[in-house]
Amino acid sequence: NPSDEVMYMVKGDMNLHYRTPEGKEDIAVLKEGTCIYTAGGIPHSPRFPPDAFLFVIERKRKPGEIDRFQWFCPNCDNFLHEERFFVEDYGKDVVSQAYQNFFDSEDFRTCKKCGTVMPKP
């Protein structure tokens, strides 16, 4: 996401997976009733159960800004693939499209370093 975000966990708990400036994955646990700030450009992936509810505040995208979705090998953490989208309307569900593009391709899910194939969810 090119813009800053503030996330408030309304119901349930969330694990926010993110990349450190050194490029390593870390996890911040967001408990119900707490919030977190995520700076623009920091790769992150909020993960929570289907009955949870997260409120996200972010600014409208500027013309030409690109959202990037990245995946890394679950075995060796090598970069696997990136999907890029111009997000003009989140109602068009580009997040689901990015995930579908990735998981529909075994080539995208196969690590060029160690050969691990990330399984489909």
C-alpha atoms as a PDB file:
ATOM      1  CA  ASN A   1       0.000   0.000   0.000  1.00  0.00           C
ATOM      2  CA  PRO A   2       1.545   3.332  -0.991  1.00  0.00           C
ATOM      3  CA  SER A   3      -0.262   5.222   1.809  1.00  0.00           C
ATOM      4  CA  ASP A   4      -0.165   5.088   5.595  1.00  0.00           C
ATOM      5  CA  GLU A   5      -2.859   3.039   7.336  1.00  0.00           C
ATOM      6  CA  VAL A   6      -4.352   2.943  10.803  1.00  0.00           C
ATOM      7  CA  MET A   7      -6.027  -0.339  11.725  1.00  0.00           C
ATOM      8  CA  TYR A   8      -8.404  -0.775  14.644  1.00  0.00           C
ATOM      9  CA  MET A   9      -9.349  -4.310  15.713  1.00  0.00           C
ATOM     10  CA  VAL A  10     -13.062  -4.038  16.466  1.00  0.00           C
ATOM     11  CA  LYS A  11     -13.768  -7.739  17.102  1.00  0.00           C
ATOM     12  CA  GLY A  12     -11.365 -10.639  17.588  1.00  0.00           C
ATOM     13  CA  ASP A  13      -7.589 -10.695  17.274  1.00  0.00           C
ATOM     14  CA  MET A  14      -5.331 -10.334  14.250  1.00  0.00           C
ATOM     15  CA  ASN A  15      -1.803 -11.287  13.295  1.00  0.00           C
ATOM     16  CA  LEU A  16      -0.292  -8.544  11.151  1.00  0.00           C
ATOM     17  CA  HIS A  17       2.545 -10.072   9.141  1.00  0.00           C
ATOM     18  CA  TYR A  18       4.947  -7.409   7.875  1.00  0.00           C
ATOM     19  CA  ARG A  19       8.421  -6.965   6.423  1.00  0.00           C
ATOM     20  CA  THR A  20      11.067  -5.190   8.476  1.00  0.00           C
ATOM     21  CA  PRO A  21      13.363  -2.630   6.806  1.00  0.00           C
ATOM     22  CA  GLU A  22      15.921  -5.479   6.623  1.00  0.00           C
ATOM     23  CA  GLY A  23      13.430  -7.537   4.591  1.00  0.00           C
ATOM     24  CA  LYS A  24      12.612 -10.148   7.232  1.00  0.00           C
ATOM     25  CA  GLU A  25       9.071 -11.182   8.140  1.00  0.00           C
ATOM     26  CA  ASP A  26       7.782 -10.306  11.606  1.00  0.00           C
ATOM     27  CA  ILE A  27       4.331 -10.499  13.220  1.00  0.00           C
ATOM     28  CA  ALA A  28       2.507  -7.925  15.330  1.00  0.00           C
ATOM     29  CA  VAL A  29      -0.433  -9.316  17.310  1.00  0.00           C
ATOM     30  CA  LEU A  30      -3.364  -6.911  17.411  1.00  0.00           C
ATOM     31  CA  LYS A  31      -5.834  -7.677  20.192  1.00  0.00           C
ATOM     32  CA  GLU A  32      -9.491  -6.679  20.137  1.00  0.00           C
ATOM     33  CA  GLY A  33      -9.878  -2.992  21.013  1.00  0.00           C
ATOM     34  CA  THR A  34      -6.350  -1.974  19.980  1.00  0.00           C
ATOM     35  CA  CYS A  35      -4.974  -0.183  16.954  1.00  0.00           C
ATOM     36  CA  ILE A  36      -1.767  -0.085  14.944  1.00  0.00           C
ATOM     37  CA  TYR A  37      -0.172   2.334  12.491  1.00  0.00           C
ATOM     38  CA  THR A  38       1.441   0.970   9.320  1.00  0.00           C
ATOM     39  CA  ALA A  39       3.594   3.348   7.272  1.00  0.00           C
ATOM     40  CA  GLY A  40       3.091   3.505   3.519  1.00  0.00           C
ATOM     41  CA  GLY A  41       5.338   1.185   1.545  1.00  0.00           C
ATOM     42  CA  ILE A  42       5.741  -1.387   4.342  1.00  0.00           C
ATOM     43  CA  PRO A  43       4.678  -4.789   2.986  1.00  0.00           C
ATOM     44  CA  HIS A  44       2.038  -6.204   5.333  1.00  0.00           C
ATOM     45  CA  SER A  45      -0.655  -8.855   5.453  1.00  0.00           C
ATOM     46  CA  PRO A  46      -3.456  -8.724   8.034  1.00  0.00           C
ATOM     47  CA  ARG A  47      -4.625 -12.230   8.974  1.00  0.00           C
ATOM     48  CA  PHE A  48      -7.639 -12.865  11.164  1.00  0.00           C
ATOM     49  CA  PRO A  49     -10.535 -15.333  11.472  1.00  0.00           C
ATOM     50  CA  PRO A  50     -13.715 -14.893   9.405  1.00  0.00           C
ATOM     51  CA  ASP A  51     -15.755 -13.747  12.431  1.00  0.00           C
ATOM     52  CA  ALA A  52     -13.312 -10.924  13.251  1.00  0.00           C
ATOM     53  CA  PHE A  53     -13.852  -7.303  12.218  1.00  0.00           C
ATOM     54  CA  LEU A  54     -11.077  -4.827  11.343  1.00  0.00           C
ATOM     55  CA  PHE A  55     -11.586  -1.107  10.674  1.00  0.00           C
ATOM     56  CA  VAL A  56      -8.939   0.381   8.337  1.00  0.00           C
ATOM     57  CA  ILE A  57      -8.363   4.081   7.771  1.00  0.00           C
ATOM     58  CA  GLU A  58      -6.310   5.153   4.751  1.00  0.00           C
ATOM     59  CA  ARG A  59      -6.284   7.995   2.288  1.00  0.00           C
ATOM     60  CA  LYS A  60      -7.661   7.813  -1.230  1.00  0.00           C
ATOM     61  CA  ARG A  61      -5.114   6.675  -3.787  1.00  0.00           C
ATOM     62  CA  LYS A  62      -3.428   9.337  -5.861  1.00  0.00           C
ATOM     63  CA  PRO A  63      -3.677   8.980  -9.668  1.00  0.00           C
ATOM     64  CA  GLY A  64      -1.145   6.428 -10.899  1.00  0.00           C
ATOM     65  CA  GLU A  65      -0.304   4.960  -7.469  1.00  0.00           C
ATOM     66  CA  ILE A  66       0.272   1.229  -7.513  1.00  0.00           C
ATOM     67  CA  ASP A  67      -0.592  -1.313  -4.829  1.00  0.00           C
ATOM     68  CA  ARG A  68       1.767  -4.273  -4.752  1.00  0.00           C
ATOM     69  CA  PHE A  69       1.046  -7.760  -3.438  1.00  0.00           C
ATOM     70  CA  GLN A  70       4.104  -9.903  -2.693  1.00  0.00           C
ATOM     71  CA  TRP A  71       4.649 -13.520  -1.702  1.00  0.00           C
ATOM     72  CA  PHE A  72       7.709 -15.174  -0.162  1.00  0.00           C
ATOM     73  CA  CYS A  73       8.741 -18.815   0.135  1.00  0.00           C
ATOM     74  CA  PRO A  74       7.389 -20.416   3.321  1.00  0.00           C
ATOM     75  CA  ASN A  75      10.566 -22.542   3.522  1.00  0.00           C
ATOM     76  CA  CYS A  76      13.504 -20.202   2.801  1.00  0.00           C
ATOM     77  CA  ASP A  77      11.804 -16.746   2.668  1.00  0.00           C
ATOM     78  CA  ASN A  78      12.976 -16.123  -0.910  1.00  0.00           C
ATOM     79  CA  PHE A  79      10.846 -13.706  -2.964  1.00  0.00           C
ATOM     80  CA  LEU A  80       8.330 -15.633  -5.106  1.00  0.00           C
ATOM     81  CA  HIS A  81       6.079 -13.227  -6.982  1.00  0.00           C
ATOM     82  CA  GLU A  82       4.545  -9.755  -7.102  1.00  0.00           C
ATOM     83  CA  GLU A  83       1.168  -8.612  -8.436  1.00  0.00           C
ATOM     84  CA  ARG A  84       0.626  -4.891  -9.151  1.00  0.00           C
ATOM     85  CA  PHE A  85      -2.674  -3.058  -9.414  1.00  0.00           C
ATOM     86  CA  PHE A  86      -3.922   0.489  -9.791  1.00  0.00           C
ATOM     87  CA  VAL A  87      -6.532   0.632  -7.038  1.00  0.00           C
ATOM     88  CA  GLU A  88      -9.162   3.150  -7.998  1.00  0.00           C
ATOM     89  CA  ASP A  89     -12.061   1.335  -6.348  1.00  0.00           C
ATOM     90  CA  TYR A  90     -11.648  -1.330  -3.654  1.00  0.00           C
ATOM     91  CA  GLY A  91     -15.214  -2.402  -4.446  1.00  0.00           C
ATOM     92  CA  LYS A  92     -13.686  -4.127  -7.487  1.00  0.00           C
ATOM     93  CA  ASP A  93     -11.834  -6.442  -5.043  1.00  0.00           C
ATOM     94  CA  VAL A  94      -8.329  -6.290  -6.480  1.00  0.00           C
ATOM     95  CA  VAL A  95      -7.051  -8.114  -3.394  1.00  0.00           C
ATOM     96  CA  SER A  96      -8.962 -11.273  -4.348  1.00  0.00           C
ATOM     97  CA  GLN A  97      -7.805 -10.896  -7.969  1.00  0.00           C
ATOM     98  CA  ALA A  98      -4.161 -10.629  -6.880  1.00  0.00           C
ATOM     99  CA  TYR A  99      -4.473 -13.752  -4.724  1.00  0.00           C
ATOM    100  CA  GLN A 100      -6.252 -15.667  -7.474  1.00  0.00           C
ATOM    101  CA  ASN A 101      -3.553 -14.754 -10.018  1.00  0.00           C
ATOM    102  CA  PHE A 102      -0.862 -15.978  -7.625  1.00  0.00           C
ATOM    103  CA  PHE A 103      -2.488 -19.183  -6.399  1.00  0.00           C
ATOM    104  CA  ASP A 104      -3.691 -20.206  -9.871  1.00  0.00           C
ATOM    105  CA  SER A 105      -0.069 -20.369 -11.063  1.00  0.00           C
ATOM    106  CA  GLU A 106       2.176 -23.152  -9.818  1.00  0.00           C
ATOM    107  CA  ASP A 107       5.091 -21.343 -11.466  1.00  0.00           C
ATOM    108  CA  PHE A 108       4.457 -18.234  -9.325  1.00  0.00           C
ATOM    109  CA  ARG A 109       4.197 -20.419  -6.189  1.00  0.00           C
ATOM    110  CA  THR A 110       7.422 -22.362  -6.876  1.00  0.00           C
ATOM    111  CA  CYS A 111      10.590 -21.076  -5.195  1.00  0.00           C
ATOM    112  CA  LYS A 112      13.445 -20.630  -7.650  1.00  0.00           C
ATOM    113  CA  LYS A 113      15.938 -20.989  -4.774  1.00  0.00           C
ATOM    114  CA  CYS A 114      14.849 -24.140  -2.895  1.00  0.00           C
ATOM    115  CA  GLY A 115      12.085 -25.623  -5.084  1.00  0.00           C
ATOM    116  CA  THR A 116       9.345 -25.444  -2.443  1.00  0.00           C
ATOM    117  CA  VAL A 117       5.847 -25.017  -3.884  1.00  0.00           C
ATOM    118  CA  MET A 118       3.631 -22.833  -1.711  1.00  0.00           C
ATOM    119  CA  PRO A 119       0.372 -24.754  -1.286  1.00  0.00           C
ATOM    120  CA  LYS A 120      -2.984 -23.309  -2.273  1.00  0.00           C
ATOM    121  CA  PRO A 121      -5.038 -22.178   0.739  1.00  0.00           C
END
